[in-house]
Amino acid sequence: MKILYILPVLMAFIVVAGCTSLPGLQQPLTLGQQAKFSNNGHTFEAGIDRIGIQDNQTIVVTLRVVNTGTSGVTVFAYPSLQNPVGESYPGPALYFGEIAPNHEVAQKGAIYLPAGVLDQLSQGSTLKIRFEIGTPVPDDAVWSVDFTNPP
C-alpha cells in the first residue's frame, strides 16, 4: 500500500527536476542525424560530423553545434562512449565558446580507451553527449555507433 503513496511523489520529483523522459527509452540517433534542443529560450542543433579510430586506442569525434536561436549561446559538451554491456568511457569536455545566432562551430575531441577495449566495442555501442548551456538542466543526445565496421 505504501508504494501507492511513493509513486506520485516520485513522478512529481521527476517532473520538477526536468527529467521528463527516461534514458532507457531514448532511441539512439544514427551518425547522420542531428539532435535538436530548446532550453530556457536557447535553441541549437548538434551532430557528429566524423568519428574515427586512431592508434587502436583512441576514438576521435568531430562534433558540430549550430545555434538556431536568436541570441548567443555558450556550449559545453561532455562525450562518453558506452559499450553494449554498459561500460562507459568518458572523454574530456569540449568547449564551443559563445556561438552567435545562425552560426556553427565544430570541435574535435578524443576518448581514450584502455588497452584491448576497442576489440570489445561492437554493434550496440553508443556515444552519449551531455550538453550544458548554463541552464540548470543539461541536454543529452545519444548516437548509435557500430565498431564492427569501423567508420
Protein backbone atom coordinates (compact mmCIF):
# COMPACT_ATOMS: atom_id res chain seq x y z
CA MET A 1 0.00 0.00 0.00
CA LYS A 2 2.93 2.34 0.72
CA ILE A 3 4.03 2.08 -2.91
CA LEU A 4 0.86 3.85 -3.99
CA TYR A 5 1.95 6.88 -1.96
CA ILE A 6 5.55 6.79 -3.15
CA LEU A 7 4.74 6.63 -6.86
CA PRO A 8 3.09 10.10 -7.11
CA VAL A 9 5.92 11.65 -5.11
CA LEU A 10 8.49 10.05 -7.39
CA MET A 11 6.66 11.27 -10.52
CA ALA A 12 6.45 14.79 -9.10
CA PHE A 13 10.18 14.74 -8.38
CA ILE A 14 10.96 13.69 -11.95
CA VAL A 15 8.83 16.47 -13.44
CA VAL A 16 10.25 19.12 -11.09
CA ALA A 17 13.80 18.02 -11.89
CA GLY A 18 13.08 18.48 -15.59
CA CYS A 19 13.71 14.87 -16.50
CA THR A 20 10.55 14.03 -18.40
CA SER A 21 12.00 11.21 -20.47
CA LEU A 22 13.57 8.05 -19.19
CA PRO A 23 17.11 7.49 -20.57
CA GLY A 24 16.47 3.79 -21.16
CA LEU A 25 13.60 4.64 -23.50
CA GLN A 26 15.54 7.16 -25.57
CA GLN A 27 16.10 5.90 -29.12
CA PRO A 28 19.70 6.47 -30.30
CA LEU A 29 20.28 8.67 -33.32
CA THR A 30 22.28 7.48 -36.31
CA LEU A 31 25.53 9.25 -37.12
CA GLY A 32 23.91 11.34 -39.86
CA GLN A 33 21.11 12.68 -37.65
CA GLN A 34 21.03 15.98 -35.77
CA ALA A 35 19.89 16.34 -32.18
CA LYS A 36 17.67 19.39 -31.66
CA PHE A 37 17.41 21.19 -28.33
CA SER A 38 15.35 24.02 -26.91
CA ASN A 39 16.22 25.01 -23.36
CA ASN A 40 15.38 28.19 -21.46
CA GLY A 41 14.93 30.26 -24.63
CA HIS A 42 18.02 28.89 -26.39
CA THR A 43 17.76 26.60 -29.38
CA PHE A 44 20.58 24.70 -31.04
CA GLU A 45 21.32 21.57 -33.04
CA ALA A 46 24.23 19.19 -32.65
CA GLY A 47 25.56 16.42 -34.83
CA ILE A 48 28.58 14.24 -35.28
CA ASP A 49 30.50 15.25 -38.40
CA ARG A 50 33.01 12.45 -38.12
CA ILE A 51 34.10 9.65 -35.83
CA GLY A 52 37.32 7.72 -36.30
CA ILE A 53 39.78 5.39 -34.64
CA GLN A 54 43.35 6.48 -34.02
CA ASP A 55 46.18 4.30 -32.66
CA ASN A 56 43.74 1.43 -31.88
CA GLN A 57 43.04 3.09 -28.51
CA THR A 58 41.57 6.49 -29.25
CA ILE A 59 38.16 7.41 -30.62
CA VAL A 60 38.27 10.84 -32.29
CA VAL A 61 34.93 12.64 -32.56
CA THR A 62 34.18 15.82 -34.51
CA LEU A 63 31.06 17.46 -33.14
CA ARG A 64 29.24 20.38 -34.79
CA VAL A 65 26.89 22.72 -32.91
CA VAL A 66 24.61 25.16 -34.75
CA ASN A 67 22.89 27.99 -32.90
CA THR A 68 19.38 28.05 -34.37
CA GLY A 69 18.12 30.61 -31.88
CA THR A 70 18.01 34.40 -31.80
CA SER A 71 20.60 35.02 -29.06
CA GLY A 72 24.13 33.82 -28.42
CA VAL A 73 24.65 30.53 -26.61
CA THR A 74 27.73 29.15 -24.84
CA VAL A 75 28.01 25.38 -25.12
CA PHE A 76 29.99 22.74 -23.24
CA ALA A 77 29.81 19.11 -24.40
CA TYR A 78 30.78 16.04 -22.40
CA PRO A 79 31.21 12.91 -24.58
CA SER A 80 31.06 9.37 -23.26
CA LEU A 81 31.35 6.12 -25.20
CA GLN A 82 29.38 3.16 -23.88
CA ASN A 83 29.80 -0.45 -24.96
CA PRO A 84 26.82 -2.84 -25.35
CA VAL A 85 27.19 -4.20 -21.79
CA GLY A 86 27.03 -0.73 -20.20
CA GLU A 87 30.69 0.06 -19.50
CA SER A 88 31.32 3.75 -20.04
CA TYR A 89 34.45 5.57 -21.24
CA PRO A 90 34.20 9.36 -20.82
CA GLY A 91 36.21 11.88 -22.78
CA PRO A 92 37.30 15.38 -21.84
CA ALA A 93 34.86 18.28 -22.13
CA LEU A 94 34.60 20.23 -25.38
CA TYR A 95 34.13 24.00 -25.11
CA PHE A 96 32.46 25.73 -28.05
CA GLY A 97 32.52 29.28 -26.65
CA GLU A 98 29.70 31.67 -27.40
CA ILE A 99 28.04 30.85 -30.70
CA ALA A 100 26.21 33.71 -32.39
CA PRO A 101 22.72 33.16 -33.85
CA ASN A 102 22.76 31.27 -37.16
CA HIS A 103 26.43 30.33 -36.71
CA GLU A 104 28.05 26.95 -36.23
CA VAL A 105 31.21 25.72 -34.53
CA ALA A 106 32.93 22.35 -34.82
CA GLN A 107 35.25 20.88 -32.21
CA LYS A 108 37.30 17.72 -32.24
CA GLY A 109 37.66 15.63 -29.10
CA ALA A 110 39.20 12.31 -28.17
CA ILE A 111 38.02 9.47 -25.97
CA TYR A 112 40.97 7.44 -24.74
CA LEU A 113 40.28 3.74 -24.24
CA PRO A 114 42.21 1.29 -22.07
CA ALA A 115 44.22 -1.35 -23.97
CA GLY A 116 42.02 -4.04 -25.54
CA VAL A 117 38.73 -2.17 -25.11
CA LEU A 118 38.39 -1.29 -28.79
CA ASP A 119 38.12 -5.00 -29.59
CA GLN A 120 35.14 -5.25 -27.20
CA LEU A 121 33.19 -2.47 -28.91
CA SER A 122 30.63 -3.73 -31.38
CA GLN A 123 27.22 -3.07 -32.79
CA GLY A 124 25.13 -1.66 -29.95
CA SER A 125 27.80 0.75 -28.72
CA THR A 126 26.62 4.31 -28.20
CA LEU A 127 28.15 7.76 -27.99
CA LYS A 128 26.35 9.90 -25.42
CA ILE A 129 26.98 13.61 -25.30
CA ARG A 130 25.71 15.82 -22.48
CA PHE A 131 25.30 19.47 -23.46
CA GLU A 132 25.37 22.28 -20.91
CA ILE A 133 24.46 25.83 -21.85
CA GLY A 134 24.34 27.45 -18.42
CA THR A 135 20.84 26.31 -17.53
CA PRO A 136 20.02 24.09 -14.56
CA VAL A 137 19.02 21.09 -16.70
CA PRO A 138 21.55 19.70 -19.21
CA ASP A 139 20.53 18.17 -22.55
CA ASP A 140 21.61 14.69 -23.66
CA ALA A 141 21.84 13.08 -27.06
CA VAL A 142 22.83 9.51 -27.88
CA TRP A 143 24.18 8.26 -31.21
CA SER A 144 24.44 4.61 -32.19
CA VAL A 145 27.97 3.60 -33.25
CA ASP A 146 28.84 0.28 -34.92
CA PHE A 147 32.51 -0.58 -34.45
CA THR A 148 32.22 -3.93 -36.26
CA ASN A 149 32.52 -1.77 -39.40
CA PRO A 150 34.91 0.99 -38.30
CA PRO A 151 33.87 4.43 -39.51
